[in-house]
mmCIF file of all heavy atoms, coordinates in Angstrom:
data_MODEL
# 
_entry.id   MODEL 
# 
loop_
_atom_site.group_PDB 
_atom_site.id 
_atom_site.type_symbol 
_atom_site.label_atom_id 
_atom_site.label_alt_id 
_atom_site.label_comp_id 
_atom_site.label_asym_id 
_atom_site.label_entity_id 
_atom_site.label_seq_id 
_atom_site.pdbx_PDB_ins_code 
_atom_site.Cartn_x 
_atom_site.Cartn_y 
_atom_site.Cartn_z 
_atom_site.occupancy 
_atom_site.B_iso_or_equiv 
_atom_site.pdbx_formal_charge 
_atom_site.auth_seq_id 
_atom_site.auth_comp_id 
_atom_site.auth_asym_id 
_atom_site.auth_atom_id 
_atom_site.pdbx_PDB_model_num 
ATOM 1   N N   . VAL A 1 1  ? -10.803 -6.525  -1.991 1.00 0.00 ? 1  VAL A N   1 
ATOM 2   C CA  . VAL A 1 1  ? -10.420 -6.703  -0.593 1.00 0.00 ? 1  VAL A CA  1 
ATOM 3   C C   . VAL A 1 1  ? -11.448 -5.989  0.257  1.00 0.00 ? 1  VAL A C   1 
ATOM 4   O O   . VAL A 1 1  ? -11.769 -4.825  0.014  1.00 0.00 ? 1  VAL A O   1 
ATOM 5   C CB  . VAL A 1 1  ? -9.013  -6.137  -0.318 1.00 0.00 ? 1  VAL A CB  1 
ATOM 6   C CG1 . VAL A 1 1  ? -8.660  -6.211  1.142  1.00 0.00 ? 1  VAL A CG1 1 
ATOM 7   C CG2 . VAL A 1 1  ? -7.964  -6.859  -1.162 1.00 0.00 ? 1  VAL A CG2 1 
ATOM 8   N N   . HIS A 1 2  ? -11.988 -6.685  1.249  1.00 0.00 ? 2  HIS A N   1 
ATOM 9   C CA  . HIS A 1 2  ? -12.930 -6.081  2.201  1.00 0.00 ? 2  HIS A CA  1 
ATOM 10  C C   . HIS A 1 2  ? -12.193 -5.849  3.511  1.00 0.00 ? 2  HIS A C   1 
ATOM 11  O O   . HIS A 1 2  ? -11.485 -6.722  3.993  1.00 0.00 ? 2  HIS A O   1 
ATOM 12  C CB  . HIS A 1 2  ? -14.106 -7.015  2.458  1.00 0.00 ? 2  HIS A CB  1 
ATOM 13  C CG  . HIS A 1 2  ? -14.933 -7.313  1.260  1.00 0.00 ? 2  HIS A CG  1 
ATOM 14  N ND1 . HIS A 1 2  ? -15.848 -6.425  0.753  1.00 0.00 ? 2  HIS A ND1 1 
ATOM 15  C CD2 . HIS A 1 2  ? -14.964 -8.387  0.453  1.00 0.00 ? 2  HIS A CD2 1 
ATOM 16  C CE1 . HIS A 1 2  ? -16.411 -6.949  -0.315 1.00 0.00 ? 2  HIS A CE1 1 
ATOM 17  N NE2 . HIS A 1 2  ? -15.881 -8.138  -0.530 1.00 0.00 ? 2  HIS A NE2 1 
ATOM 18  N N   . ILE A 1 3  ? -12.406 -4.663  4.085  1.00 0.00 ? 3  ILE A N   1 
ATOM 19  C CA  . ILE A 1 3  ? -11.796 -4.339  5.371  1.00 0.00 ? 3  ILE A CA  1 
ATOM 20  C C   . ILE A 1 3  ? -12.885 -4.373  6.423  1.00 0.00 ? 3  ILE A C   1 
ATOM 21  O O   . ILE A 1 3  ? -13.798 -3.552  6.403  1.00 0.00 ? 3  ILE A O   1 
ATOM 22  C CB  . ILE A 1 3  ? -11.125 -2.946  5.354  1.00 0.00 ? 3  ILE A CB  1 
ATOM 23  C CG1 . ILE A 1 3  ? -10.124 -2.837  4.216  1.00 0.00 ? 3  ILE A CG1 1 
ATOM 24  C CG2 . ILE A 1 3  ? -10.466 -2.662  6.693  1.00 0.00 ? 3  ILE A CG2 1 
ATOM 25  C CD1 . ILE A 1 3  ? -9.568  -1.441  4.025  1.00 0.00 ? 3  ILE A CD1 1 
ATOM 26  N N   . HIS A 1 4  ? -12.788 -5.318  7.351  1.00 0.00 ? 4  HIS A N   1 
ATOM 27  C CA  . HIS A 1 4  ? -13.730 -5.402  8.459  1.00 0.00 ? 4  HIS A CA  1 
ATOM 28  C C   . HIS A 1 4  ? -13.183 -4.601  9.637  1.00 0.00 ? 4  HIS A C   1 
ATOM 29  O O   . HIS A 1 4  ? -11.986 -4.638  9.919  1.00 0.00 ? 4  HIS A O   1 
ATOM 30  C CB  . HIS A 1 4  ? -13.953 -6.864  8.871  1.00 0.00 ? 4  HIS A CB  1 
ATOM 31  C CG  . HIS A 1 4  ? -14.561 -7.682  7.786  1.00 0.00 ? 4  HIS A CG  1 
ATOM 32  N ND1 . HIS A 1 4  ? -15.910 -7.696  7.521  1.00 0.00 ? 4  HIS A ND1 1 
ATOM 33  C CD2 . HIS A 1 4  ? -14.004 -8.496  6.881  1.00 0.00 ? 4  HIS A CD2 1 
ATOM 34  C CE1 . HIS A 1 4  ? -16.157 -8.499  6.502  1.00 0.00 ? 4  HIS A CE1 1 
ATOM 35  N NE2 . HIS A 1 4  ? -15.005 -9.002  6.093  1.00 0.00 ? 4  HIS A NE2 1 
ATOM 36  N N   . ASN A 1 5  ? -14.057 -3.853  10.302 1.00 0.00 ? 5  ASN A N   1 
ATOM 37  C CA  . ASN A 1 5  ? -13.665 -3.029  11.455 1.00 0.00 ? 5  ASN A CA  1 
ATOM 38  C C   . ASN A 1 5  ? -12.636 -1.964  11.085 1.00 0.00 ? 5  ASN A C   1 
ATOM 39  O O   . ASN A 1 5  ? -11.723 -1.673  11.850 1.00 0.00 ? 5  ASN A O   1 
ATOM 40  C CB  . ASN A 1 5  ? -13.148 -3.893  12.606 1.00 0.00 ? 5  ASN A CB  1 
ATOM 41  C CG  . ASN A 1 5  ? -14.204 -4.829  13.133 1.00 0.00 ? 5  ASN A CG  1 
ATOM 42  O OD1 . ASN A 1 5  ? -15.379 -4.461  13.227 1.00 0.00 ? 5  ASN A OD1 1 
ATOM 43  N ND2 . ASN A 1 5  ? -13.819 -6.045  13.441 1.00 0.00 ? 5  ASN A ND2 1 
ATOM 44  N N   . ARG A 1 6  ? -12.803 -1.399  9.920  1.00 0.00 ? 6  ARG A N   1 
ATOM 45  C CA  . ARG A 1 6  ? -11.882 -0.371  9.428  1.00 0.00 ? 6  ARG A CA  1 
ATOM 46  C C   . ARG A 1 6  ? -11.764 0.803   10.411 1.00 0.00 ? 6  ARG A C   1 
ATOM 47  O O   . ARG A 1 6  ? -10.688 1.339   10.610 1.00 0.00 ? 6  ARG A O   1 
ATOM 48  C CB  . ARG A 1 6  ? -12.378 0.124   8.070  1.00 0.00 ? 6  ARG A CB  1 
ATOM 49  C CG  . ARG A 1 6  ? -11.555 1.218   7.482  1.00 0.00 ? 6  ARG A CG  1 
ATOM 50  C CD  . ARG A 1 6  ? -12.107 1.614   6.125  1.00 0.00 ? 6  ARG A CD  1 
ATOM 51  N NE  . ARG A 1 6  ? -11.366 2.701   5.546  1.00 0.00 ? 6  ARG A NE  1 
ATOM 52  C CZ  . ARG A 1 6  ? -11.394 3.010   4.277  1.00 0.00 ? 6  ARG A CZ  1 
ATOM 53  N NH1 . ARG A 1 6  ? -12.149 2.326   3.444  1.00 0.00 ? 6  ARG A NH1 1 
ATOM 54  N NH2 . ARG A 1 6  ? -10.696 4.011   3.821  1.00 0.00 ? 6  ARG A NH2 1 
ATOM 55  N N   . GLU A 1 7  ? -12.898 1.153   11.039 1.00 0.00 ? 7  GLU A N   1 
ATOM 56  C CA  . GLU A 1 7  ? -12.899 2.293   11.968 1.00 0.00 ? 7  GLU A CA  1 
ATOM 57  C C   . GLU A 1 7  ? -11.984 2.044   13.167 1.00 0.00 ? 7  GLU A C   1 
ATOM 58  O O   . GLU A 1 7  ? -11.387 2.980   13.703 1.00 0.00 ? 7  GLU A O   1 
ATOM 59  C CB  . GLU A 1 7  ? -14.324 2.631   12.425 1.00 0.00 ? 7  GLU A CB  1 
ATOM 60  C CG  . GLU A 1 7  ? -15.033 1.538   13.192 1.00 0.00 ? 7  GLU A CG  1 
ATOM 61  C CD  . GLU A 1 7  ? -15.611 0.419   12.333 1.00 0.00 ? 7  GLU A CD  1 
ATOM 62  O OE1 . GLU A 1 7  ? -15.625 0.512   11.096 1.00 0.00 ? 7  GLU A OE1 1 
ATOM 63  O OE2 . GLU A 1 7  ? -16.036 -0.581  12.927 1.00 0.00 ? 7  GLU A OE2 1 
ATOM 64  N N   . VAL A 1 8  ? -11.835 0.809   13.585 1.00 0.00 ? 8  VAL A N   1 
ATOM 65  C CA  . VAL A 1 8  ? -10.935 0.477   14.690 1.00 0.00 ? 8  VAL A CA  1 
ATOM 66  C C   . VAL A 1 8  ? -9.497  0.760   14.274 1.00 0.00 ? 8  VAL A C   1 
ATOM 67  O O   . VAL A 1 8  ? -8.712  1.358   15.022 1.00 0.00 ? 8  VAL A O   1 
ATOM 68  C CB  . VAL A 1 8  ? -11.103 -1.004  15.112 1.00 0.00 ? 8  VAL A CB  1 
ATOM 69  C CG1 . VAL A 1 8  ? -10.074 -1.390  16.156 1.00 0.00 ? 8  VAL A CG1 1 
ATOM 70  C CG2 . VAL A 1 8  ? -12.513 -1.254  15.619 1.00 0.00 ? 8  VAL A CG2 1 
ATOM 71  N N   . LEU A 1 9  ? -9.140  0.344   13.082 1.00 0.00 ? 9  LEU A N   1 
ATOM 72  C CA  . LEU A 1 9  ? -7.790  0.571   12.552 1.00 0.00 ? 9  LEU A CA  1 
ATOM 73  C C   . LEU A 1 9  ? -7.528  2.069   12.380 1.00 0.00 ? 9  LEU A C   1 
ATOM 74  O O   . LEU A 1 9  ? -6.496  2.578   12.812 1.00 0.00 ? 9  LEU A O   1 
ATOM 75  C CB  . LEU A 1 9  ? -7.618  -0.147  11.215 1.00 0.00 ? 9  LEU A CB  1 
ATOM 76  C CG  . LEU A 1 9  ? -6.281  -0.013  10.511 1.00 0.00 ? 9  LEU A CG  1 
ATOM 77  C CD1 . LEU A 1 9  ? -5.144  -0.537  11.381 1.00 0.00 ? 9  LEU A CD1 1 
ATOM 78  C CD2 . LEU A 1 9  ? -6.311  -0.748  9.179  1.00 0.00 ? 9  LEU A CD2 1 
ATOM 79  N N   . GLU A 1 10 ? -8.473  2.789   11.785 1.00 0.00 ? 10 GLU A N   1 
ATOM 80  C CA  . GLU A 1 10 ? -8.311  4.231   11.581 1.00 0.00 ? 10 GLU A CA  1 
ATOM 81  C C   . GLU A 1 10 ? -8.182  4.983   12.911 1.00 0.00 ? 10 GLU A C   1 
ATOM 82  O O   . GLU A 1 10 ? -7.376  5.890   13.035 1.00 0.00 ? 10 GLU A O   1 
ATOM 83  C CB  . GLU A 1 10 ? -9.471  4.777   10.759 1.00 0.00 ? 10 GLU A CB  1 
ATOM 84  C CG  . GLU A 1 10 ? -9.451  4.308   9.323  1.00 0.00 ? 10 GLU A CG  1 
ATOM 85  C CD  . GLU A 1 10 ? -10.678 4.713   8.529  1.00 0.00 ? 10 GLU A CD  1 
ATOM 86  O OE1 . GLU A 1 10 ? -11.783 4.820   9.116  1.00 0.00 ? 10 GLU A OE1 1 
ATOM 87  O OE2 . GLU A 1 10 ? -10.546 4.899   7.314  1.00 0.00 ? 10 GLU A OE2 1 
ATOM 88  N N   . SER A 1 11 ? -8.976  4.571   13.903 1.00 0.00 ? 11 SER A N   1 
ATOM 89  C CA  . SER A 1 11 ? -8.923  5.206   15.219 1.00 0.00 ? 11 SER A CA  1 
ATOM 90  C C   . SER A 1 11 ? -7.569  4.970   15.889 1.00 0.00 ? 11 SER A C   1 
ATOM 91  O O   . SER A 1 11 ? -6.998  5.880   16.492 1.00 0.00 ? 11 SER A O   1 
ATOM 92  C CB  . SER A 1 11 ? -10.053 4.662   16.081 1.00 0.00 ? 11 SER A CB  1 
ATOM 93  O OG  . SER A 1 11 ? -9.965  5.163   17.388 1.00 0.00 ? 11 SER A OG  1 
ATOM 94  N N   . ALA A 1 12 ? -7.061  3.766   15.806 1.00 0.00 ? 12 ALA A N   1 
ATOM 95  C CA  . ALA A 1 12 ? -5.760  3.450   16.402 1.00 0.00 ? 12 ALA A CA  1 
ATOM 96  C C   . ALA A 1 12 ? -4.657  4.267   15.744 1.00 0.00 ? 12 ALA A C   1 
ATOM 97  O O   . ALA A 1 12 ? -3.789  4.818   16.435 1.00 0.00 ? 12 ALA A O   1 
ATOM 98  C CB  . ALA A 1 12 ? -5.478  1.962   16.265 1.00 0.00 ? 12 ALA A CB  1 
ATOM 99  N N   . ILE A 1 13 ? -4.681  4.355   14.427 1.00 0.00 ? 13 ILE A N   1 
ATOM 100 C CA  . ILE A 1 13 ? -3.654  5.122   13.706 1.00 0.00 ? 13 ILE A CA  1 
ATOM 101 C C   . ILE A 1 13 ? -3.750  6.587   14.042 1.00 0.00 ? 13 ILE A C   1 
ATOM 102 O O   . ILE A 1 13 ? -2.743  7.242   14.307 1.00 0.00 ? 13 ILE A O   1 
ATOM 103 C CB  . ILE A 1 13 ? -3.757  4.863   12.186 1.00 0.00 ? 13 ILE A CB  1 
ATOM 104 C CG1 . ILE A 1 13 ? -3.375  3.409   11.875 1.00 0.00 ? 13 ILE A CG1 1 
ATOM 105 C CG2 . ILE A 1 13 ? -2.875  5.826   11.413 1.00 0.00 ? 13 ILE A CG2 1 
ATOM 106 C CD1 . ILE A 1 13 ? -3.715  2.961   10.481 1.00 0.00 ? 13 ILE A CD1 1 
ATOM 107 N N   . ALA A 1 14 ? -4.979  7.126   14.057 1.00 0.00 ? 14 ALA A N   1 
ATOM 108 C CA  . ALA A 1 14 ? -5.182  8.540   14.386 1.00 0.00 ? 14 ALA A CA  1 
ATOM 109 C C   . ALA A 1 14 ? -4.712  8.851   15.814 1.00 0.00 ? 14 ALA A C   1 
ATOM 110 O O   . ALA A 1 14 ? -4.224  9.953   16.084 1.00 0.00 ? 14 ALA A O   1 
ATOM 111 C CB  . ALA A 1 14 ? -6.642  8.905   14.226 1.00 0.00 ? 14 ALA A CB  1 
ATOM 112 N N   . GLY A 1 15 ? -4.835  7.867   16.709 1.00 0.00 ? 15 GLY A N   1 
ATOM 113 C CA  . GLY A 1 15 ? -4.398  8.051   18.088 1.00 0.00 ? 15 GLY A CA  1 
ATOM 114 C C   . GLY A 1 15 ? -2.918  7.814   18.309 1.00 0.00 ? 15 GLY A C   1 
ATOM 115 O O   . GLY A 1 15 ? -2.433  7.843   19.433 1.00 0.00 ? 15 GLY A O   1 
ATOM 116 N N   . GLY A 1 16 ? -2.187  7.551   17.221 1.00 0.00 ? 16 GLY A N   1 
ATOM 117 C CA  . GLY A 1 16 ? -0.748  7.346   17.316 1.00 0.00 ? 16 GLY A CA  1 
ATOM 118 C C   . GLY A 1 16 ? -0.359  5.992   17.879 1.00 0.00 ? 16 GLY A C   1 
ATOM 119 O O   . GLY A 1 16 ? 0.775   5.798   18.309 1.00 0.00 ? 16 GLY A O   1 
ATOM 120 N N   . GLN A 1 17 ? -1.287  5.056   17.862 1.00 0.00 ? 17 GLN A N   1 
ATOM 121 C CA  . GLN A 1 17 ? -1.009  3.719   18.378 1.00 0.00 ? 17 GLN A CA  1 
ATOM 122 C C   . GLN A 1 17 ? -0.368  2.852   17.294 1.00 0.00 ? 17 GLN A C   1 
ATOM 123 O O   . GLN A 1 17 ? -0.626  3.027   16.119 1.00 0.00 ? 17 GLN A O   1 
ATOM 124 C CB  . GLN A 1 17 ? -2.296  3.049   18.852 1.00 0.00 ? 17 GLN A CB  1 
ATOM 125 C CG  . GLN A 1 17 ? -2.956  3.770   19.990 1.00 0.00 ? 17 GLN A CG  1 
ATOM 126 C CD  . GLN A 1 17 ? -4.307  3.166   20.335 1.00 0.00 ? 17 GLN A CD  1 
ATOM 127 O OE1 . GLN A 1 17 ? -4.882  2.424   19.566 1.00 0.00 ? 17 GLN A OE1 1 
ATOM 128 N NE2 . GLN A 1 17 ? -4.805  3.513   21.509 1.00 0.00 ? 17 GLN A NE2 1 
ATOM 129 N N   . GLY A 1 18 ? 0.418   1.907   17.710 1.00 0.00 ? 18 GLY A N   1 
ATOM 130 C CA  . GLY A 1 18 ? 0.980   0.944   16.784 1.00 0.00 ? 18 GLY A CA  1 
ATOM 131 C C   . GLY A 1 18 ? -0.053  -0.136  16.491 1.00 0.00 ? 18 GLY A C   1 
ATOM 132 O O   . GLY A 1 18 ? -0.886  -0.453  17.339 1.00 0.00 ? 18 GLY A O   1 
ATOM 133 N N   . VAL A 1 19 ? -0.006  -0.673  15.316 1.00 0.00 ? 19 VAL A N   1 
ATOM 134 C CA  . VAL A 1 19 ? -0.931  -1.730  14.908 1.00 0.00 ? 19 VAL A CA  1 
ATOM 135 C C   . VAL A 1 19 ? -0.117  -2.863  14.309 1.00 0.00 ? 19 VAL A C   1 
ATOM 136 O O   . VAL A 1 19 ? 0.752   -2.630  13.465 1.00 0.00 ? 19 VAL A O   1 
ATOM 137 C CB  . VAL A 1 19 ? -1.952  -1.207  13.861 1.00 0.00 ? 19 VAL A CB  1 
ATOM 138 C CG1 . VAL A 1 19 ? -2.860  -2.324  13.392 1.00 0.00 ? 19 VAL A CG1 1 
ATOM 139 C CG2 . VAL A 1 19 ? -2.763  -0.052  14.423 1.00 0.00 ? 19 VAL A CG2 1 
ATOM 140 N N   . MET A 1 20 ? -0.404  -4.087  14.734 1.00 0.00 ? 20 MET A N   1 
ATOM 141 C CA  . MET A 1 20 ? 0.274   -5.245  14.154 1.00 0.00 ? 20 MET A CA  1 
ATOM 142 C C   . MET A 1 20 ? -0.778  -6.127  13.473 1.00 0.00 ? 20 MET A C   1 
ATOM 143 O O   . MET A 1 20 ? -1.750  -6.535  14.104 1.00 0.00 ? 20 MET A O   1 
ATOM 144 C CB  . MET A 1 20 ? 0.995   -6.065  15.225 1.00 0.00 ? 20 MET A CB  1 
ATOM 145 C CG  . MET A 1 20 ? 1.711   -7.281  14.634 1.00 0.00 ? 20 MET A CG  1 
ATOM 146 S SD  . MET A 1 20 ? 2.540   -8.299  15.859 1.00 0.00 ? 20 MET A SD  1 
ATOM 147 C CE  . MET A 1 20 ? 3.948   -7.295  16.214 1.00 0.00 ? 20 MET A CE  1 
ATOM 148 N N   . ILE A 1 21 ? -0.565  -6.365  12.205 1.00 0.00 ? 21 ILE A N   1 
ATOM 149 C CA  . ILE A 1 21 ? -1.462  -7.226  11.422 1.00 0.00 ? 21 ILE A CA  1 
ATOM 150 C C   . ILE A 1 21 ? -0.726  -8.546  11.230 1.00 0.00 ? 21 ILE A C   1 
ATOM 151 O O   . ILE A 1 21 ? 0.391   -8.569  10.706 1.00 0.00 ? 21 ILE A O   1 
ATOM 152 C CB  . ILE A 1 21 ? -1.834  -6.591  10.081 1.00 0.00 ? 21 ILE A CB  1 
ATOM 153 C CG1 . ILE A 1 21 ? -2.527  -5.248  10.331 1.00 0.00 ? 21 ILE A CG1 1 
ATOM 154 C CG2 . ILE A 1 21 ? -2.702  -7.521  9.265  1.00 0.00 ? 21 ILE A CG2 1 
ATOM 155 C CD1 . ILE A 1 21 ? -2.729  -4.412  9.092  1.00 0.00 ? 21 ILE A CD1 1 
ATOM 156 N N   . THR A 1 22 ? -1.341  -9.638  11.638 1.00 0.00 ? 22 THR A N   1 
ATOM 157 C CA  . THR A 1 22 ? -0.687  -10.927 11.563 1.00 0.00 ? 22 THR A CA  1 
ATOM 158 C C   . THR A 1 22 ? -1.528  -11.899 10.743 1.00 0.00 ? 22 THR A C   1 
ATOM 159 O O   . THR A 1 22 ? -2.373  -12.611 11.280 1.00 0.00 ? 22 THR A O   1 
ATOM 160 C CB  . THR A 1 22 ? -0.452  -11.509 12.978 1.00 0.00 ? 22 THR A CB  1 
ATOM 161 O OG1 . THR A 1 22 ? -1.710  -11.566 13.652 1.00 0.00 ? 22 THR A OG1 1 
ATOM 162 C CG2 . THR A 1 22 ? 0.499   -10.653 13.762 1.00 0.00 ? 22 THR A CG2 1 
ATOM 163 N N   . PRO A 1 23 ? -1.308  -11.943 9.430  1.00 0.00 ? 23 PRO A N   1 
ATOM 164 C CA  . PRO A 1 23 ? -2.082  -12.874 8.599  1.00 0.00 ? 23 PRO A CA  1 
ATOM 165 C C   . PRO A 1 23 ? -1.649  -14.312 8.839  1.00 0.00 ? 23 PRO A C   1 
ATOM 166 O O   . PRO A 1 23 ? -0.539  -14.566 9.295  1.00 0.00 ? 23 PRO A O   1 
ATOM 167 C CB  . PRO A 1 23 ? -1.738  -12.424 7.175  1.00 0.00 ? 23 PRO A CB  1 
ATOM 168 C CG  . PRO A 1 23 ? -0.385  -11.818 7.309  1.00 0.00 ? 23 PRO A CG  1 
ATOM 169 C CD  . PRO A 1 23 ? -0.344  -11.171 8.676  1.00 0.00 ? 23 PRO A CD  1 
ATOM 170 N N   . ASN A 1 24 ? -2.528  -15.235 8.519  1.00 0.00 ? 24 ASN A N   1 
ATOM 171 C CA  . ASN A 1 24 ? -2.175  -16.643 8.705  1.00 0.00 ? 24 ASN A CA  1 
ATOM 172 C C   . ASN A 1 24 ? -1.417  -17.183 7.497  1.00 0.00 ? 24 ASN A C   1 
ATOM 173 O O   . ASN A 1 24 ? -1.043  -18.346 7.472  1.00 0.00 ? 24 ASN A O   1 
ATOM 174 C CB  . ASN A 1 24 ? -3.411  -17.486 8.984  1.00 0.00 ? 24 ASN A CB  1 
ATOM 175 C CG  . ASN A 1 24 ? -4.399  -17.489 7.832  1.00 0.00 ? 24 ASN A CG  1 
ATOM 176 O OD1 . ASN A 1 24 ? -4.178  -16.851 6.808  1.00 0.00 ? 24 ASN A OD1 1 
ATOM 177 N ND2 . ASN A 1 24 ? -5.495  -18.177 8.017  1.00 0.00 ? 24 ASN A ND2 1 
ATOM 178 N N   . HIS A 1 25 ? -1.173  -16.354 6.510  1.00 0.00 ? 25 HIS A N   1 
ATOM 179 C CA  . HIS A 1 25 ? -0.325  -16.651 5.359  1.00 0.00 ? 25 HIS A CA  1 
ATOM 180 C C   . HIS A 1 25 ? -0.741  -17.896 4.585  1.00 0.00 ? 25 HIS A C   1 
ATOM 181 O O   . HIS A 1 25 ? 0.067   -18.805 4.371  1.00 0.00 ? 25 HIS A O   1 
ATOM 182 C CB  . HIS A 1 25 ? 1.121   -16.757 5.812  1.00 0.00 ? 25 HIS A CB  1 
ATOM 183 C CG  . HIS A 1 25 ? 2.140   -16.458 4.746  1.00 0.00 ? 25 HIS A CG  1 
ATOM 184 N ND1 . HIS A 1 25 ? 1.876   -15.702 3.641  1.00 0.00 ? 25 HIS A ND1 1 
ATOM 185 C CD2 . HIS A 1 25 ? 3.439   -16.827 4.638  1.00 0.00 ? 25 HIS A CD2 1 
ATOM 186 C CE1 . HIS A 1 25 ? 2.949   -15.620 2.896  1.00 0.00 ? 25 HIS A CE1 1 
ATOM 187 N NE2 . HIS A 1 25 ? 3.919   -16.284 3.468  1.00 0.00 ? 25 HIS A NE2 1 
ATOM 188 N N   . PRO A 1 26 ? -2.011  -17.943 4.147  1.00 0.00 ? 26 PRO A N   1 
ATOM 189 C CA  . PRO A 1 26 ? -2.435  -19.108 3.374  1.00 0.00 ? 26 PRO A CA  1 
ATOM 190 C C   . PRO A 1 26 ? -1.850  -19.151 1.965  1.00 0.00 ? 26 PRO A C   1 
ATOM 191 O O   . PRO A 1 26 ? -1.820  -20.186 1.333  1.00 0.00 ? 26 PRO A O   1 
ATOM 192 C CB  . PRO A 1 26 ? -3.958  -18.957 3.330  1.00 0.00 ? 26 PRO A CB  1 
ATOM 193 C CG  . PRO A 1 26 ? -4.176  -17.484 3.433  1.00 0.00 ? 26 PRO A CG  1 
ATOM 194 C CD  . PRO A 1 26 ? -3.068  -16.969 4.312  1.00 0.00 ? 26 PRO A CD  1 
ATOM 195 N N   . CYS A 1 27 ? -1.385  -17.990 1.470  1.00 0.00 ? 27 CYS A N   1 
ATOM 196 C CA  . CYS A 1 27 ? -0.774  -17.929 0.152  1.00 0.00 ? 27 CYS A CA  1 
ATOM 197 C C   . CYS A 1 27 ? 0.139   -16.712 0.091  1.00 0.00 ? 27 CYS A C   1 
ATOM 198 O O   . CYS A 1 27 ? 0.230   -15.950 1.042  1.00 0.00 ? 27 CYS A O   1 
ATOM 199 C CB  . CYS A 1 27 ? -1.836  -17.891 -0.946 1.00 0.00 ? 27 CYS A CB  1 
ATOM 200 S SG  . CYS A 1 27 ? -2.779  -16.353 -0.969 1.00 0.00 ? 27 CYS A SG  1 
ATOM 201 N N   . HIS A 1 28 ? 0.763   -16.512 -1.044 1.00 0.00 ? 28 HIS A N   1 
ATOM 202 C CA  . HIS A 1 28 ? 1.705   -15.403 -1.192 1.00 0.00 ? 28 HIS A CA  1 
ATOM 203 C C   . HIS A 1 28 ? 1.042   -14.072 -1.514 1.00 0.00 ? 28 HIS A C   1 
ATOM 204 O O   . HIS A 1 28 ? 1.734   -13.093 -1.787 1.00 0.00 ? 28 HIS A O   1 
ATOM 205 C CB  . HIS A 1 28 ? 2.757   -15.743 -2.253 1.00 0.00 ? 28 HIS A CB  1 
ATOM 206 C CG  . HIS A 1 28 ? 3.693   -16.817 -1.807 1.00 0.00 ? 28 HIS A CG  1 
ATOM 207 N ND1 . HIS A 1 28 ? 4.690   -16.602 -0.888 1.00 0.00 ? 28 HIS A ND1 1 
ATOM 208 C CD2 . HIS A 1 28 ? 3.764   -18.124 -2.127 1.00 0.00 ? 28 HIS A CD2 1 
ATOM 209 C CE1 . HIS A 1 28 ? 5.340   -17.713 -0.667 1.00 0.00 ? 28 HIS A CE1 1 
ATOM 210 N NE2 . HIS A 1 28 ? 4.796   -18.668 -1.405 1.00 0.00 ? 28 HIS A NE2 1 
ATOM 211 N N   . CYS A 1 29 ? -0.277  -14.015 -1.461 1.00 0.00 ? 29 CYS A N   1 
ATOM 212 C CA  . CYS A 1 29 ? -0.959  -12.751 -1.739 1.00 0.00 ? 29 CYS A CA  1 
ATOM 213 C C   . CYS A 1 29 ? -1.042  -11.852 -0.507 1.00 0.00 ? 29 CYS A C   1 
ATOM 214 O O   . CYS A 1 29 ? -1.441  -10.700 -0.614 1.00 0.00 ? 29 CYS A O   1 
ATOM 215 C CB  . CYS A 1 29 ? -2.342  -13.001 -2.321 1.00 0.00 ? 29 CYS A CB  1 
ATOM 216 S SG  . CYS A 1 29 ? -3.517  -13.693 -1.159 1.00 0.00 ? 29 CYS A SG  1 
# 
């Protein structure tokens, strides 16, 4: 699994912000 823009996610979490990940659900993985 490759994480693109990981620093954006880490910064948001460190800042106490909520993050919503919305996959397009192409499969059950």
